[in-house]
Amino acid sequence: MLTFEFKKSLKSGIGDELEIHADIEGLRSLISQLRLLEEHKTDHIHLMSESWGGSHLADQPQDEANRVVHHVKIALR
């Protein structure tokens, strides 16, 4: 399980804080994807939830007050 979730900030009241939740399997998956960048096998990766056609991210937030992110792109610059 791996999720990226927007949390409402106490300061602003909008979803401008990012929380990342992972179990060991999700953490290993993320590390594997980041290694592709580190090894210059690609210049970007996409992490998507199952409902968006991917397999890396969970569809349900771990905190019910949060809003789940369905697509994360990480680019090497």
PDB file of N, CA and C in Angstrom:
ATOM      1  N   MET A   1       0.842  -1.174   0.000  1.00  0.00           N
ATOM      2  CA  MET A   1       0.000   0.000   0.000  1.00  0.00           C
ATOM      3  C   MET A   1       0.888   1.238   0.000  1.00  0.00           C
ATOM      4  N   LEU A   2       0.542   2.139  -0.895  1.00  0.00           N
ATOM      5  CA  LEU A   2       1.235   3.421  -0.990  1.00  0.00           C
ATOM      6  C   LEU A   2       0.201   4.459  -1.369  1.00  0.00           C
ATOM      7  N   THR A   3       0.127   5.537  -0.607  1.00  0.00           N
ATOM      8  CA  THR A   3      -0.758   6.641  -0.957  1.00  0.00           C
ATOM      9  C   THR A   3      -0.041   7.967  -0.757  1.00  0.00           C
ATOM     10  N   PHE A   4      -0.372   8.888  -1.627  1.00  0.00           N
ATOM     11  CA  PHE A   4      -0.018  10.291  -1.478  1.00  0.00           C
ATOM     12  C   PHE A   4      -1.342  10.989  -1.221  1.00  0.00           C
ATOM     13  N   GLU A   5      -1.420  11.747  -0.135  1.00  0.00           N
ATOM     14  CA  GLU A   5      -2.692  12.331   0.267  1.00  0.00           C
ATOM     15  C   GLU A   5      -2.524  13.805   0.616  1.00  0.00           C
ATOM     16  N   PHE A   6      -3.485  14.597   0.146  1.00  0.00           N
ATOM     17  CA  PHE A   6      -3.532  16.007   0.536  1.00  0.00           C
ATOM     18  C   PHE A   6      -4.292  16.125   1.844  1.00  0.00           C
ATOM     19  N   LYS A   7      -3.695  16.832   2.781  1.00  0.00           N
ATOM     20  CA  LYS A   7      -4.292  17.078   4.089  1.00  0.00           C
ATOM     21  C   LYS A   7      -4.586  18.562   4.210  1.00  0.00           C
ATOM     22  N   LYS A   8      -5.721  18.869   4.779  1.00  0.00           N
ATOM     23  CA  LYS A   8      -6.053  20.269   5.013  1.00  0.00           C
ATOM     24  C   LYS A   8      -5.144  20.834   6.094  1.00  0.00           C
ATOM     25  N   SER A   9      -4.538  21.942   5.778  1.00  0.00           N
ATOM     26  CA  SER A   9      -3.659  22.617   6.708  1.00  0.00           C
ATOM     27  C   SER A   9      -4.488  23.336   7.762  1.00  0.00           C
ATOM     28  N   LEU A  10      -4.062  23.272   9.008  1.00  0.00           N
ATOM     29  CA  LEU A  10      -4.735  24.023  10.066  1.00  0.00           C
ATOM     30  C   LEU A  10      -4.583  25.517   9.836  1.00  0.00           C
ATOM     31  N   LYS A  11      -3.474  25.904   9.234  1.00  0.00           N
ATOM     32  CA  LYS A  11      -3.203  27.317   9.000  1.00  0.00           C
ATOM     33  C   LYS A  11      -4.075  27.887   7.893  1.00  0.00           C
ATOM     34  N   SER A  12      -4.174  27.180   6.757  1.00  0.00           N
ATOM     35  CA  SER A  12      -4.899  27.734   5.611  1.00  0.00           C
ATOM     36  C   SER A  12      -6.292  27.151   5.433  1.00  0.00           C
ATOM     37  N   GLY A  13      -6.517  25.948   5.978  1.00  0.00           N
ATOM     38  CA  GLY A  13      -7.820  25.309   5.825  1.00  0.00           C
ATOM     39  C   GLY A  13      -8.030  24.644   4.476  1.00  0.00           C
ATOM     40  N   ILE A  14      -6.983  24.641   3.628  1.00  0.00           N
ATOM     41  CA  ILE A  14      -7.096  23.965   2.332  1.00  0.00           C
ATOM     42  C   ILE A  14      -6.109  22.803   2.278  1.00  0.00           C
ATOM     43  N   GLY A  15      -6.269  21.956   1.290  1.00  0.00           N
ATOM     44  CA  GLY A  15      -5.422  20.776   1.169  1.00  0.00           C
ATOM     45  C   GLY A  15      -4.064  21.090   0.595  1.00  0.00           C
ATOM     46  N   ASP A  16      -3.221  21.752   1.361  1.00  0.00           N
ATOM     47  CA  ASP A  16      -1.906  22.127   0.853  1.00  0.00           C
ATOM     48  C   ASP A  16      -0.752  21.430   1.576  1.00  0.00           C
ATOM     49  N   GLU A  17      -1.066  20.387   2.322  1.00  0.00           N
ATOM     50  CA  GLU A  17      -0.030  19.571   2.946  1.00  0.00           C
ATOM     51  C   GLU A  17      -0.092  18.188   2.320  1.00  0.00           C
ATOM     52  N   LEU A  18       1.064  17.593   2.067  1.00  0.00           N
ATOM     53  CA  LEU A  18       1.133  16.271   1.469  1.00  0.00           C
ATOM     54  C   LEU A  18       1.591  15.261   2.506  1.00  0.00           C
ATOM     55  N   GLU A  19       0.824  14.178   2.626  1.00  0.00           N
ATOM     56  CA  GLU A  19       1.214  13.061   3.480  1.00  0.00           C
ATOM     57  C   GLU A  19       1.452  11.859   2.584  1.00  0.00           C
ATOM     58  N   ILE A  20       2.489  11.080   2.880  1.00  0.00           N
ATOM     59  CA  ILE A  20       2.764   9.841   2.170  1.00  0.00           C
ATOM     60  C   ILE A  20       2.625   8.714   3.176  1.00  0.00           C
ATOM     61  N   HIS A  21       1.768   7.746   2.838  1.00  0.00           N
ATOM     62  CA  HIS A  21       1.541   6.579   3.694  1.00  0.00           C
ATOM     63  C   HIS A  21       2.005   5.344   2.937  1.00  0.00           C
ATOM     64  N   ALA A  22       2.730   4.461   3.610  1.00  0.00           N
ATOM     65  CA  ALA A  22       3.220   3.253   2.944  1.00  0.00           C
ATOM     66  C   ALA A  22       3.370   2.117   3.937  1.00  0.00           C
ATOM     67  N   ASP A  23       3.107   0.902   3.444  1.00  0.00           N
ATOM     68  CA  ASP A  23       3.516  -0.275   4.188  1.00  0.00           C
ATOM     69  C   ASP A  23       4.846  -0.731   3.566  1.00  0.00           C
ATOM     70  N   ILE A  24       5.423  -1.821   4.028  1.00  0.00           N
ATOM     71  CA  ILE A  24       6.729  -2.259   3.532  1.00  0.00           C
ATOM     72  C   ILE A  24       6.681  -2.548   2.034  1.00  0.00           C
ATOM     73  N   GLU A  25       5.631  -3.200   1.561  1.00  0.00           N
ATOM     74  CA  GLU A  25       5.511  -3.497   0.136  1.00  0.00           C
ATOM     75  C   GLU A  25       5.431  -2.212  -0.691  1.00  0.00           C
ATOM     76  N   GLY A  26       4.653  -1.249  -0.233  1.00  0.00           N
ATOM     77  CA  GLY A  26       4.545   0.023  -0.930  1.00  0.00           C
ATOM     78  C   GLY A  26       5.856   0.790  -0.928  1.00  0.00           C
ATOM     79  N   LEU A  27       6.558   0.739   0.179  1.00  0.00           N
ATOM     80  CA  LEU A  27       7.851   1.401   0.278  1.00  0.00           C
ATOM     81  C   LEU A  27       8.853   0.775  -0.693  1.00  0.00           C
ATOM     82  N   ARG A  28       8.853  -0.547  -0.779  1.00  0.00           N
ATOM     83  CA  ARG A  28       9.761  -1.238  -1.710  1.00  0.00           C
ATOM     84  C   ARG A  28       9.420  -0.885  -3.163  1.00  0.00           C
ATOM     85  N   SER A  29       8.138  -0.778  -3.469  1.00  0.00           N
ATOM     86  CA  SER A  29       7.712  -0.409  -4.814  1.00  0.00           C
ATOM     87  C   SER A  29       8.191   0.998  -5.162  1.00  0.00           C
ATOM     88  N   LEU A  30       8.036   1.931  -4.230  1.00  0.00           N
ATOM     89  CA  LEU A  30       8.488   3.301  -4.454  1.00  0.00           C
ATOM     90  C   LEU A  30      10.006   3.354  -4.648  1.00  0.00           C
ATOM     91  N   ILE A  31      10.737   2.639  -3.826  1.00  0.00           N
ATOM     92  CA  ILE A  31      12.201   2.601  -3.943  1.00  0.00           C
ATOM     93  C   ILE A  31      12.600   2.035  -5.299  1.00  0.00           C
ATOM     94  N   SER A  32      11.925   0.986  -5.742  1.00  0.00           N
ATOM     95  CA  SER A  32      12.205   0.382  -7.042  1.00  0.00           C
ATOM     96  C   SER A  32      12.007   1.382  -8.170  1.00  0.00           C
ATOM     97  N   GLN A  33      10.933   2.150  -8.103  1.00  0.00           N
ATOM     98  CA  GLN A  33      10.663   3.157  -9.125  1.00  0.00           C
ATOM     99  C   GLN A  33      11.692   4.276  -9.077  1.00  0.00           C
ATOM    100  N   LEU A  34      12.082   4.701  -7.878  1.00  0.00           N
ATOM    101  CA  LEU A  34      13.079   5.757  -7.743  1.00  0.00           C
ATOM    102  C   LEU A  34      14.453   5.309  -8.248  1.00  0.00           C
ATOM    103  N   ARG A  35      14.740   4.019  -8.118  1.00  0.00           N
ATOM    104  CA  ARG A  35      16.008   3.496  -8.634  1.00  0.00           C
ATOM    105  C   ARG A  35      16.089   3.618 -10.149  1.00  0.00           C
ATOM    106  N   LEU A  36      14.951   3.499 -10.836  1.00  0.00           N
ATOM    107  CA  LEU A  36      14.941   3.692 -12.287  1.00  0.00           C
ATOM    108  C   LEU A  36      15.456   5.084 -12.641  1.00  0.00           C
ATOM    109  N   LEU A  37      15.062   6.061 -11.845  1.00  0.00           N
ATOM    110  CA  LEU A  37      15.562   7.424 -12.042  1.00  0.00           C
ATOM    111  C   LEU A  37      17.043   7.517 -11.702  1.00  0.00           C
ATOM    112  N   GLU A  38      17.413   6.961 -10.575  1.00  0.00           N
ATOM    113  CA  GLU A  38      18.798   7.026 -10.118  1.00  0.00           C
ATOM    114  C   GLU A  38      19.751   6.386 -11.126  1.00  0.00           C
ATOM    115  N   GLU A  39      19.311   5.306 -11.755  1.00  0.00           N
ATOM    116  CA  GLU A  39      20.148   4.579 -12.706  1.00  0.00           C
ATOM    117  C   GLU A  39      20.018   5.144 -14.128  1.00  0.00           C
ATOM    118  N   HIS A  40      19.309   6.257 -14.261  1.00  0.00           N
ATOM    119  CA  HIS A  40      19.118   6.941 -15.546  1.00  0.00           C
ATOM    120  C   HIS A  40      18.474   6.040 -16.601  1.00  0.00           C
ATOM    121  N   LYS A  41      17.595   5.133 -16.158  1.00  0.00           N
ATOM    122  CA  LYS A  41      16.859   4.288 -17.095  1.00  0.00           C
ATOM    123  C   LYS A  41      15.651   5.023 -17.665  1.00  0.00           C
ATOM    124  N   THR A  42      15.293   6.117 -17.039  1.00  0.00           N
ATOM    125  CA  THR A  42      14.209   6.983 -17.491  1.00  0.00           C
ATOM    126  C   THR A  42      14.433   8.364 -16.891  1.00  0.00           C
ATOM    127  N   ASP A  43      13.747   9.358 -17.424  1.00  0.00           N
ATOM    128  CA  ASP A  43      13.886  10.691 -16.832  1.00  0.00           C
ATOM    129  C   ASP A  43      12.673  11.072 -16.000  1.00  0.00           C
ATOM    130  N   HIS A  44      11.667  10.188 -15.970  1.00  0.00           N
ATOM    131  CA  HIS A  44      10.509  10.423 -15.114  1.00  0.00           C
ATOM    132  C   HIS A  44       9.759   9.116 -14.875  1.00  0.00           C
ATOM    133  N   ILE A  45       8.999   9.097 -13.820  1.00  0.00           N
ATOM    134  CA  ILE A  45       8.147   7.944 -13.517  1.00  0.00           C
ATOM    135  C   ILE A  45       6.746   8.447 -13.206  1.00  0.00           C
ATOM    136  N   HIS A  46       5.778   7.584 -13.420  1.00  0.00           N
ATOM    137  CA  HIS A  46       4.395   7.869 -13.077  1.00  0.00           C
ATOM    138  C   HIS A  46       3.925   6.817 -12.080  1.00  0.00           C
ATOM    139  N   LEU A  47       3.344   7.266 -11.004  1.00  0.00           N
ATOM    140  CA  LEU A  47       2.701   6.388 -10.034  1.00  0.00           C
ATOM    141  C   LEU A  47       1.210   6.699 -10.102  1.00  0.00           C
ATOM    142  N   MET A  48       0.388   5.679 -10.347  1.00  0.00           N
ATOM    143  CA  MET A  48      -1.053   5.902 -10.466  1.00  0.00           C
ATOM    144  C   MET A  48      -1.824   4.857  -9.675  1.00  0.00           C
ATOM    145  N   SER A  49      -3.003   5.260  -9.247  1.00  0.00           N
ATOM    146  CA  SER A  49      -3.894   4.348  -8.536  1.00  0.00           C
ATOM    147  C   SER A  49      -4.543   3.387  -9.525  1.00  0.00           C
ATOM    148  N   GLU A  50      -5.093   2.308  -9.004  1.00  0.00           N
ATOM    149  CA  GLU A  50      -5.759   1.311  -9.857  1.00  0.00           C
ATOM    150  C   GLU A  50      -6.904   1.932 -10.648  1.00  0.00           C
ATOM    151  N   SER A  51      -7.657   2.830 -10.030  1.00  0.00           N
ATOM    152  CA  SER A  51      -8.798   3.431 -10.729  1.00  0.00           C
ATOM    153  C   SER A  51      -8.348   4.337 -11.874  1.00  0.00           C
ATOM    154  N   TRP A  52      -7.086   4.707 -11.885  1.00  0.00           N
ATOM    155  CA  TRP A  52      -6.525   5.519 -12.963  1.00  0.00           C
ATOM    156  C   TRP A  52      -5.655   4.689 -13.895  1.00  0.00           C
ATOM    157  N   GLY A  53      -5.746   3.376 -13.782  1.00  0.00           N
ATOM    158  CA  GLY A  53      -5.030   2.482 -14.684  1.00  0.00           C
ATOM    159  C   GLY A  53      -3.648   2.069 -14.222  1.00  0.00           C
ATOM    160  N   GLY A  54      -3.293   2.387 -12.996  1.00  0.00           N
ATOM    161  CA  GLY A  54      -1.970   2.044 -12.481  1.00  0.00           C
ATOM    162  C   GLY A  54      -2.029   0.919 -11.472  1.00  0.00           C
ATOM    163  N   SER A  55      -0.907   0.700 -10.818  1.00  0.00           N
ATOM    164  CA  SER A  55      -0.849  -0.355  -9.802  1.00  0.00           C
ATOM    165  C   SER A  55       0.003   0.036  -8.597  1.00  0.00           C
ATOM    166  N   HIS A  56       0.549   1.256  -8.596  1.00  0.00           N
ATOM    167  CA  HIS A  56       1.453   1.638  -7.515  1.00  0.00           C
ATOM    168  C   HIS A  56       0.752   2.307  -6.335  1.00  0.00           C
ATOM    169  N   LEU A  57      -0.331   3.017  -6.586  1.00  0.00           N
ATOM    170  CA  LEU A  57      -0.979   3.769  -5.521  1.00  0.00           C
ATOM    171  C   LEU A  57      -2.337   3.179  -5.159  1.00  0.00           C
ATOM    172  N   ALA A  58      -2.676   3.266  -3.887  1.00  0.00           N
ATOM    173  CA  ALA A  58      -3.986   2.810  -3.407  1.00  0.00           C
ATOM    174  C   ALA A  58      -5.036   3.881  -3.720  1.00  0.00           C
ATOM    175  N   ASP A  59      -6.266   3.446  -3.876  1.00  0.00           N
ATOM    176  CA  ASP A  59      -7.373   4.355  -4.186  1.00  0.00           C
ATOM    177  C   ASP A  59      -7.992   5.010  -2.955  1.00  0.00           C
ATOM    178  N   GLN A  60      -7.821   4.393  -1.804  1.00  0.00           N
ATOM    179  CA  GLN A  60      -8.457   4.890  -0.590  1.00  0.00           C
ATOM    180  C   GLN A  60      -7.440   5.588   0.307  1.00  0.00           C
ATOM    181  N   PRO A  61      -7.777   6.763   0.825  1.00  0.00           N
ATOM    182  CA  PRO A  61      -6.849   7.440   1.743  1.00  0.00           C
ATOM    183  C   PRO A  61      -6.737   6.682   3.058  1.00  0.00           C
ATOM    184  N   GLN A  62      -5.605   6.805   3.696  1.00  0.00           N
ATOM    185  CA  GLN A  62      -5.394   6.174   5.002  1.00  0.00           C
ATOM    186  C   GLN A  62      -5.985   7.024   6.114  1.00  0.00           C
ATOM    187  N   ASP A  63      -6.156   8.296   5.852  1.00  0.00           N
ATOM    188  CA  ASP A  63      -6.824   9.206   6.774  1.00  0.00           C
ATOM    189  C   ASP A  63      -8.080   9.698   6.057  1.00  0.00           C
ATOM    190  N   GLU A  64      -9.241   9.395   6.594  1.00  0.00           N
ATOM    191  CA  GLU A  64     -10.502   9.724   5.930  1.00  0.00           C
ATOM    192  C   GLU A  64     -10.695  11.221   5.689  1.00  0.00           C
ATOM    193  N   ALA A  65      -9.989  12.047   6.441  1.00  0.00           N
ATOM    194  CA  ALA A  65     -10.099  13.499   6.261  1.00  0.00           C
ATOM    195  C   ALA A  65      -9.259  13.992   5.084  1.00  0.00           C
ATOM    196  N   ASN A  66      -8.395  13.126   4.555  1.00  0.00           N
ATOM    197  CA  ASN A  66      -7.502  13.507   3.466  1.00  0.00           C
ATOM    198  C   ASN A  66      -8.134  13.213   2.110  1.00  0.00           C
ATOM    199  N   ARG A  67      -7.554  13.809   1.079  1.00  0.00           N
ATOM    200  CA  ARG A  67      -7.955  13.551  -0.310  1.00  0.00           C
ATOM    201  C   ARG A  67      -6.798  12.836  -0.990  1.00  0.00           C
ATOM    202  N   VAL A  68      -7.090  11.647  -1.545  1.00  0.00           N
ATOM    203  CA  VAL A  68      -6.052  10.833  -2.170  1.00  0.00           C
ATOM    204  C   VAL A  68      -5.629  11.432  -3.513  1.00  0.00           C
ATOM    205  N   VAL A  69      -4.339  11.314  -3.815  1.00  0.00           N
ATOM    206  CA  VAL A  69      -3.789  11.736  -5.103  1.00  0.00           C
ATOM    207  C   VAL A  69      -3.728  10.493  -5.987  1.00  0.00           C
ATOM    208  N   HIS A  70      -4.320  10.570  -7.168  1.00  0.00           N
ATOM    209  CA  HIS A  70      -4.400   9.412  -8.052  1.00  0.00           C
ATOM    210  C   HIS A  70      -3.245   9.321  -9.041  1.00  0.00           C
ATOM    211  N   HIS A  71      -2.500  10.398  -9.225  1.00  0.00           N
ATOM    212  CA  HIS A  71      -1.385  10.387 -10.179  1.00  0.00           C
ATOM    213  C   HIS A  71      -0.251  11.241  -9.632  1.00  0.00           C
ATOM    214  N   VAL A  72       0.917  10.628  -9.535  1.00  0.00           N
ATOM    215  CA  VAL A  72       2.126  11.323  -9.097  1.00  0.00           C
ATOM    216  C   VAL A  72       3.176  11.132 -10.181  1.00  0.00           C
ATOM    217  N   LYS A  73       3.720  12.222 -10.677  1.00  0.00           N
ATOM    218  CA  LYS A  73       4.820  12.167 -11.641  1.00  0.00           C
ATOM    219  C   LYS A  73       6.057  12.692 -10.938  1.00  0.00           C
ATOM    220  N   ILE A  74       7.143  11.925 -11.007  1.00  0.00           N
ATOM    221  CA  ILE A  74       8.419  12.342 -10.440  1.00  0.00           C
ATOM    222  C   ILE A  74       9.402  12.445 -11.594  1.00  0.00           C
ATOM    223  N   ALA A  75       9.961  13.636 -11.787  1.00  0.00           N
ATOM    224  CA  ALA A  75      10.861  13.890 -12.906  1.00  0.00           C
ATOM    225  C   ALA A  75      12.283  14.129 -12.387  1.00  0.00           C
ATOM    226  N   LEU A  76      13.247  13.567 -13.100  1.00  0.00           N
ATOM    227  CA  LEU A  76      14.652  13.787 -12.781  1.00  0.00           C
ATOM    228  C   LEU A  76      15.116  15.031 -13.521  1.00  0.00           C
ATOM    229  N   ARG A  77      15.683  15.969 -12.816  1.00  0.00           N
ATOM    230  CA  ARG A  77      16.135  17.223 -13.422  1.00  0.00           C
ATOM    231  C   ARG A  77      17.622  17.405 -13.218  1.00  0.00           C
TER     232      ARG A  77
END
